[in-house]
Amino acid sequence: MVSQSERRFVRLNLITIAVTLLLILAGGIVRSTGSGMGCPDWPKCFGQYIPPTSVEQLPADYQQKYVAQRVAKNERFAKSLDKMGKKELADKIRNDKTILIPEHFNAAQTWTEYGNRLMGALTGFFLIGLTVYSFTYRKTAKRIIWLSLFNLVMVGFQAWLGSIVVSTNLLAWVVTVHMLLALVILAVLVYTYNYAREMHSEPVVVISNVTWLRLLIFLSLVLTVVQIVMGTELREAIDFISKSLGYDQRNTWVLKAGSIFDYHRDMAVLVAVISALVYKFVADKFGGRATALLVSNSIVIVLIVQIATGILLSNFALPPYAQALHILFSTTLFTLQFYLYLLVYRTSTYNK
């Protein structure tokens, strides 16, 4: 019998997954609108908990002030990298001249970034609540407690890394790591959700072997992660191109990205082909209202939207709304694929 506290944990876990995806959407909006430096400091925004709405509310020397703060923070970060044996990377951060370029106040960008930070704080509160509720399993499933605590630490690290993203003026590799850690947090949330739900249910049994299906789902999952990383690197390349062109000739940015765009597009085709095979096998082996089949149907829908937003981006000069949706649906695809893998992994094969 499932206790009320366990039901609360499962519900809160599901809500936290949704909130985390909304946080990624907020981050996508920040990225697509160029609002990443809308707040030049962290955790406050222009030294305030409620950011200003006009430049008149800021001191005359605000640009120099935040450049100096950024340089000081980067020096501390570089010293940490030196201690880790990453001297070359530390020197690169020290010698990055773009860090010295002051950010001009833009109210729309400031409040877009501020909204992203509020969403991050909300996600943190949900993860704290989830950790508290996880102690319901202190006698039955301690792994849920440990994983919830791990995620709480991870979101704190993410917040710190977010401050590094700001201080390094959106340094490429930091942005990529920031995205990968978001996927780790999502994966842990999906795992604890599935584990808590399946604790009191019997394993699904199918007649035919599912080994190849597990391998295909795992392959599609790995390819999606690679695709997300490549998408982040493509975005960095386009950022460099847009800056070099003074943010003009927007319709040429994708063409100038070169091979990274070709790899990203070809990988998308491969993910689509593997996902189609996964759907066929799941449809053959699971019938009716099986959760695996429902999740597989959702993957197909998300993949179609993902491809559609990719086409919009490549053919219509990177509209910002399509960029944000592209990031959201890529992470949603990862979430559903990982959930499907867990469901199929627990599936047993009937032997006569």
Protein backbone atom coordinates (compact mmCIF):
# COMPACT_ATOMS: atom_id res chain seq x y z
CA MET A 1 0.00 0.00 0.00
CA VAL A 2 1.30 3.44 -0.94
CA SER A 3 1.33 5.92 1.96
CA GLN A 4 0.09 9.50 1.64
CA SER A 5 3.60 10.87 2.22
CA GLU A 6 4.95 8.71 -0.61
CA ARG A 7 2.23 10.00 -2.93
CA ARG A 8 3.18 13.56 -1.98
CA PHE A 9 6.82 12.85 -2.83
CA VAL A 10 5.91 11.44 -6.25
CA ARG A 11 3.64 14.43 -7.04
CA LEU A 12 6.24 16.95 -5.89
CA ASN A 13 8.92 15.12 -7.87
CA LEU A 14 6.85 15.36 -11.04
CA ILE A 15 6.16 19.06 -10.44
CA THR A 16 9.89 19.66 -9.85
CA ILE A 17 10.71 18.03 -13.19
CA ALA A 18 8.25 20.40 -14.89
CA VAL A 19 9.64 23.43 -13.03
CA THR A 20 13.21 22.45 -13.99
CA LEU A 21 12.17 22.27 -17.65
CA LEU A 22 10.59 25.73 -17.30
CA LEU A 23 13.89 26.97 -15.85
CA ILE A 24 15.66 25.64 -18.95
CA LEU A 25 13.07 27.46 -21.08
CA ALA A 26 13.80 30.66 -19.14
CA GLY A 27 17.50 30.11 -19.77
CA GLY A 28 16.75 29.59 -23.46
CA ILE A 29 14.86 32.89 -23.58
CA VAL A 30 17.82 34.64 -21.94
CA ARG A 31 20.20 33.05 -24.42
CA SER A 32 18.10 33.78 -27.51
CA THR A 33 17.50 37.43 -26.58
CA GLY A 34 21.13 38.08 -25.68
CA SER A 35 20.19 38.89 -22.09
CA GLY A 36 22.86 36.78 -20.42
CA MET A 37 24.71 39.88 -19.26
CA GLY A 38 21.53 41.77 -18.39
CA CYS A 39 22.66 41.57 -14.78
CA PRO A 40 26.42 42.13 -14.60
CA ASP A 41 26.74 40.83 -11.02
CA TRP A 42 25.44 37.83 -9.06
CA PRO A 43 23.37 36.98 -7.03
CA LYS A 44 22.09 40.57 -6.96
CA CYS A 45 21.31 42.48 -10.14
CA PHE A 46 23.13 45.82 -10.33
CA GLY A 47 23.68 45.48 -6.60
CA GLN A 48 19.93 45.25 -5.93
CA TYR A 49 17.51 42.43 -5.14
CA ILE A 50 14.93 44.21 -7.29
CA PRO A 51 16.74 45.46 -10.42
CA PRO A 52 16.41 49.02 -11.75
CA THR A 53 14.08 49.95 -14.58
CA SER A 54 16.12 52.87 -15.96
CA VAL A 55 19.78 53.86 -16.17
CA GLU A 56 19.05 56.97 -14.07
CA GLN A 57 18.72 54.67 -11.04
CA LEU A 58 22.37 53.62 -11.40
CA PRO A 59 25.51 55.50 -10.35
CA ALA A 60 27.48 57.23 -13.11
CA ASP A 61 30.41 54.82 -12.76
CA TYR A 62 28.33 51.62 -12.73
CA GLN A 63 30.05 50.18 -15.81
CA GLN A 64 33.56 50.50 -14.40
CA LYS A 65 32.39 49.20 -11.04
CA TYR A 66 31.00 45.92 -12.42
CA VAL A 67 33.92 45.39 -14.78
CA ALA A 68 36.26 45.64 -11.77
CA GLN A 69 34.12 43.17 -9.81
CA ARG A 70 34.11 40.77 -12.76
CA VAL A 71 37.89 40.96 -13.15
CA ALA A 72 38.39 40.28 -9.42
CA LYS A 73 36.04 37.29 -9.47
CA ASN A 74 37.70 35.87 -12.59
CA GLU A 75 41.10 36.17 -10.93
CA ARG A 76 39.83 34.09 -8.00
CA PHE A 77 38.42 31.55 -10.44
CA ALA A 78 41.70 31.49 -12.40
CA LYS A 79 43.66 30.86 -9.19
CA SER A 80 41.41 27.87 -8.46
CA LEU A 81 42.09 26.55 -11.96
CA ASP A 82 45.84 27.03 -11.37
CA LYS A 83 45.62 24.82 -8.28
CA MET A 84 43.81 22.18 -10.38
CA GLY A 85 46.66 22.18 -12.90
CA LYS A 86 44.63 24.06 -15.55
CA LYS A 87 47.16 26.87 -16.03
CA GLU A 88 46.49 27.31 -19.75
CA LEU A 89 42.77 27.73 -19.15
CA ALA A 90 43.42 30.07 -16.22
CA ASP A 91 45.66 32.26 -18.38
CA LYS A 92 43.02 32.31 -21.10
CA ILE A 93 40.47 33.69 -18.64
CA ARG A 94 42.95 36.26 -17.31
CA ASN A 95 43.79 37.45 -20.83
CA ASP A 96 40.22 37.55 -22.16
CA LYS A 97 39.82 41.19 -23.20
CA THR A 98 36.07 40.88 -23.73
CA ILE A 99 35.68 40.78 -19.95
CA LEU A 100 36.88 44.40 -19.86
CA ILE A 101 34.12 45.59 -22.18
CA PRO A 102 31.46 47.28 -20.02
CA GLU A 103 27.83 46.27 -20.37
CA HIS A 104 25.34 48.99 -21.20
CA PHE A 105 22.11 48.98 -19.21
CA ASN A 106 19.12 47.54 -21.08
CA ALA A 107 15.94 47.29 -19.01
CA ALA A 108 14.38 44.52 -21.13
CA GLN A 109 17.52 42.36 -20.94
CA THR A 110 17.97 43.06 -17.25
CA TRP A 111 14.47 41.94 -16.35
CA THR A 112 14.68 38.92 -18.67
CA GLU A 113 17.81 37.75 -16.84
CA TYR A 114 16.23 38.62 -13.49
CA GLY A 115 13.20 36.47 -14.35
CA ASN A 116 15.56 33.61 -15.13
CA ARG A 117 17.18 34.01 -11.72
CA LEU A 118 13.81 34.04 -9.97
CA MET A 119 12.93 30.82 -11.81
CA GLY A 120 16.22 29.35 -10.63
CA ALA A 121 15.42 30.29 -7.03
CA LEU A 122 11.96 28.71 -7.35
CA THR A 123 13.53 25.51 -8.66
CA GLY A 124 15.90 25.52 -5.69
CA PHE A 125 12.97 25.77 -3.26
CA PHE A 126 11.23 22.85 -4.95
CA LEU A 127 14.40 20.77 -4.69
CA ILE A 128 14.70 21.64 -0.99
CA GLY A 129 11.08 20.54 -0.48
CA LEU A 130 11.72 17.34 -2.41
CA THR A 131 14.75 16.59 -0.22
CA VAL A 132 12.66 17.07 2.92
CA TYR A 133 9.95 14.73 1.60
CA SER A 134 12.57 12.18 0.53
CA PHE A 135 13.11 11.24 4.20
CA THR A 136 9.79 9.40 3.90
CA TYR A 137 11.95 6.63 2.40
CA ARG A 138 14.56 6.54 5.19
CA LYS A 139 13.61 2.95 6.03
CA THR A 140 12.67 1.64 2.58
CA ALA A 141 14.76 3.38 -0.10
CA LYS A 142 17.69 5.41 1.20
CA ARG A 143 18.97 5.89 -2.35
CA ILE A 144 16.09 8.35 -2.90
CA ILE A 145 17.34 10.43 0.04
CA TRP A 146 20.95 10.39 -1.17
CA LEU A 147 20.00 11.25 -4.73
CA SER A 148 17.75 14.10 -3.54
CA LEU A 149 20.61 15.46 -1.42
CA PHE A 150 22.95 15.09 -4.39
CA ASN A 151 20.56 17.11 -6.56
CA LEU A 152 20.35 19.80 -3.91
CA VAL A 153 24.15 20.10 -3.94
CA MET A 154 24.12 20.09 -7.75
CA VAL A 155 21.65 22.96 -7.97
CA GLY A 156 23.81 24.95 -5.56
CA PHE A 157 26.83 24.24 -7.76
CA GLN A 158 24.74 25.27 -10.77
CA ALA A 159 23.98 28.60 -9.11
CA TRP A 160 27.70 29.17 -8.50
CA LEU A 161 28.48 28.15 -12.07
CA GLY A 162 25.84 30.62 -13.22
CA SER A 163 27.80 33.35 -11.46
CA ILE A 164 30.92 32.21 -13.34
CA VAL A 165 28.96 32.36 -16.61
CA VAL A 166 28.22 36.01 -15.82
CA SER A 167 31.73 36.93 -14.63
CA THR A 168 33.44 35.28 -17.62
CA ASN A 169 31.09 37.04 -20.05
CA LEU A 170 29.47 33.78 -21.20
CA LEU A 171 32.70 31.80 -21.65
CA ALA A 172 31.86 28.98 -24.09
CA TRP A 173 32.92 25.89 -22.16
CA VAL A 174 31.30 27.16 -18.94
CA VAL A 175 27.96 27.54 -20.76
CA THR A 176 28.27 23.95 -22.07
CA VAL A 177 29.04 22.55 -18.60
CA HIS A 178 26.12 24.58 -17.23
CA MET A 179 23.81 22.85 -19.74
CA LEU A 180 25.18 19.35 -19.06
CA LEU A 181 24.68 19.76 -15.32
CA ALA A 182 21.06 20.71 -15.96
CA LEU A 183 20.68 17.35 -17.73
CA VAL A 184 22.22 15.57 -14.73
CA ILE A 185 19.70 17.23 -12.40
CA LEU A 186 16.85 16.22 -14.70
CA ALA A 187 18.13 12.63 -14.92
CA VAL A 188 18.26 12.31 -11.12
CA LEU A 189 14.73 13.71 -10.80
CA VAL A 190 13.41 11.27 -13.40
CA TYR A 191 15.18 8.37 -11.69
CA THR A 192 13.78 9.15 -8.22
CA TYR A 193 10.30 9.70 -9.68
CA ASN A 194 10.37 6.37 -11.49
CA TYR A 195 11.92 4.48 -8.57
CA ALA A 196 9.36 5.83 -6.09
CA ARG A 197 6.46 4.98 -8.45
CA GLU A 198 7.70 1.47 -9.20
CA MET A 199 8.42 0.48 -5.59
CA HIS A 200 4.88 -0.78 -5.07
CA SER A 201 4.11 -2.04 -8.58
CA GLU A 202 4.83 -5.32 -10.30
CA PRO A 203 7.38 -5.30 -13.15
CA VAL A 204 5.91 -5.25 -16.67
CA VAL A 205 6.31 -8.58 -18.46
CA VAL A 206 6.49 -8.95 -22.26
CA ILE A 207 6.77 -12.08 -24.35
CA SER A 208 9.71 -11.14 -26.58
CA ASN A 209 13.23 -10.13 -25.56
CA VAL A 210 13.85 -6.40 -24.96
CA THR A 211 17.67 -6.39 -24.88
CA TRP A 212 17.99 -4.74 -28.30
CA LEU A 213 15.30 -2.22 -27.40
CA ARG A 214 17.24 -1.23 -24.27
CA LEU A 215 20.39 -0.76 -26.35
CA LEU A 216 18.54 1.34 -28.94
CA ILE A 217 17.00 3.59 -26.30
CA PHE A 218 20.39 4.00 -24.62
CA LEU A 219 21.94 4.86 -27.99
CA SER A 220 19.23 7.43 -28.72
CA LEU A 221 19.83 8.91 -25.26
CA VAL A 222 23.58 9.25 -25.82
CA LEU A 223 23.05 10.76 -29.28
CA THR A 224 20.61 13.30 -27.84
CA VAL A 225 23.18 14.40 -25.24
CA VAL A 226 25.82 14.73 -27.98
CA GLN A 227 23.29 16.66 -30.05
CA ILE A 228 22.63 19.06 -27.16
CA VAL A 229 26.36 19.64 -26.64
CA MET A 230 26.84 20.26 -30.36
CA GLY A 231 23.89 22.65 -30.32
CA THR A 232 25.52 24.59 -27.49
CA GLU A 233 28.78 24.77 -29.43
CA LEU A 234 26.89 25.87 -32.56
CA ARG A 235 25.26 28.63 -30.57
CA GLU A 236 28.69 29.77 -29.36
CA ALA A 237 29.97 29.84 -32.95
CA ILE A 238 26.96 31.91 -34.04
CA ASP A 239 27.49 34.30 -31.12
CA PHE A 240 31.06 34.88 -32.29
CA ILE A 241 29.89 35.42 -35.89
CA SER A 242 27.12 37.83 -34.86
CA LYS A 243 29.53 39.93 -32.79
CA SER A 244 32.07 40.03 -35.61
CA LEU A 245 29.37 41.30 -37.97
CA GLY A 246 28.12 43.91 -35.53
CA TYR A 247 24.87 41.92 -35.17
CA ASP A 248 23.99 42.69 -38.81
CA GLN A 249 23.33 40.24 -41.69
CA ARG A 250 21.42 37.90 -39.37
CA ASN A 251 20.31 35.71 -42.28
CA THR A 252 23.97 34.74 -42.96
CA TRP A 253 24.94 33.66 -39.46
CA VAL A 254 23.96 29.99 -39.84
CA LEU A 255 25.70 29.67 -43.23
CA LYS A 256 28.90 31.13 -41.78
CA ALA A 257 28.89 28.62 -38.89
CA GLY A 258 30.43 26.00 -41.19
CA SER A 259 30.88 22.31 -40.35
CA ILE A 260 29.51 22.50 -36.79
CA PHE A 261 26.08 23.28 -38.25
CA ASP A 262 26.36 20.36 -40.70
CA TYR A 263 27.30 17.97 -37.88
CA HIS A 264 24.45 19.23 -35.72
CA ARG A 265 21.94 18.80 -38.56
CA ASP A 266 23.21 15.32 -39.50
CA MET A 267 23.12 14.23 -35.86
CA ALA A 268 19.49 15.37 -35.68
CA VAL A 269 18.66 13.08 -38.63
CA LEU A 270 20.40 10.17 -36.87
CA VAL A 271 18.49 10.82 -33.64
CA ALA A 272 15.23 10.85 -35.62
CA VAL A 273 16.03 7.53 -37.34
CA ILE A 274 17.00 5.80 -34.07
CA SER A 275 13.90 7.22 -32.36
CA ALA A 276 11.70 5.86 -35.16
CA LEU A 277 13.19 2.39 -34.62
CA VAL A 278 12.63 2.69 -30.88
CA TYR A 279 9.00 3.66 -31.46
CA LYS A 280 8.45 0.66 -33.75
CA PHE A 281 9.90 -1.81 -31.22
CA VAL A 282 7.98 -0.28 -28.31
CA ALA A 283 4.72 -0.36 -30.31
CA ASP A 284 5.35 -4.03 -31.18
CA LYS A 285 6.12 -5.11 -27.61
CA PHE A 286 3.84 -2.91 -25.47
CA GLY A 287 0.13 -2.56 -26.11
CA GLY A 288 -2.91 -0.79 -24.74
CA ARG A 289 -2.25 1.91 -22.15
CA ALA A 290 1.26 0.74 -21.22
CA THR A 291 3.30 3.61 -19.82
CA ALA A 292 6.23 2.79 -22.12
CA LEU A 293 4.00 3.17 -25.16
CA LEU A 294 2.55 6.47 -23.92
CA VAL A 295 6.05 7.83 -23.28
CA SER A 296 7.17 6.64 -26.72
CA ASN A 297 4.25 8.49 -28.32
CA SER A 298 5.28 11.64 -26.43
CA ILE A 299 8.84 11.25 -27.70
CA VAL A 300 7.60 11.23 -31.29
CA ILE A 301 5.58 14.43 -30.74
CA VAL A 302 8.47 16.20 -29.01
CA LEU A 303 10.88 15.09 -31.74
CA ILE A 304 8.61 16.49 -34.46
CA VAL A 305 8.43 19.86 -32.68
CA GLN A 306 12.19 19.76 -32.15
CA ILE A 307 12.84 19.20 -35.85
CA ALA A 308 10.33 21.92 -36.77
CA THR A 309 12.05 24.48 -34.55
CA GLY A 310 15.40 23.44 -36.01
CA ILE A 311 14.08 24.10 -39.52
CA LEU A 312 12.78 27.50 -38.41
CA LEU A 313 16.16 28.38 -36.95
CA SER A 314 18.17 27.38 -40.01
CA ASN A 315 15.85 28.86 -42.64
CA PHE A 316 14.35 31.95 -41.00
CA ALA A 317 17.35 33.80 -39.54
CA LEU A 318 17.28 32.34 -36.03
CA PRO A 319 14.02 33.75 -34.59
CA PRO A 320 14.47 34.05 -30.80
CA TYR A 321 11.22 32.23 -29.92
CA ALA A 322 12.36 29.22 -31.98
CA GLN A 323 15.72 29.20 -30.17
CA ALA A 324 14.04 29.05 -26.76
CA LEU A 325 11.63 26.30 -27.87
CA HIS A 326 14.47 24.35 -29.49
CA ILE A 327 16.36 24.24 -26.18
CA LEU A 328 13.20 23.36 -24.21
CA PHE A 329 12.20 20.48 -26.48
CA SER A 330 15.74 19.08 -26.73
CA THR A 331 15.88 18.75 -22.93
CA THR A 332 12.30 17.43 -22.84
CA LEU A 333 13.34 14.80 -25.39
CA PHE A 334 16.25 13.78 -23.16
CA THR A 335 13.92 13.59 -20.14
CA LEU A 336 11.41 11.34 -21.92
CA GLN A 337 14.10 9.13 -23.43
CA PHE A 338 15.69 8.55 -20.04
CA TYR A 339 12.28 7.77 -18.50
CA LEU A 340 11.56 5.30 -21.32
CA TYR A 341 14.94 3.65 -20.74
CA LEU A 342 14.15 3.18 -17.04
CA LEU A 343 10.73 1.73 -17.87
CA VAL A 344 12.08 -0.75 -20.43
CA TYR A 345 15.09 -1.60 -18.24
CA ARG A 346 12.70 -2.87 -15.55
CA THR A 347 10.64 -4.85 -18.07
CA SER A 348 10.91 -8.62 -17.68
CA THR A 349 10.75 -11.21 -20.44
CA TYR A 350 8.26 -14.05 -20.25
CA ASN A 351 9.91 -17.47 -20.45
CA LYS A 352 7.85 -20.62 -20.97
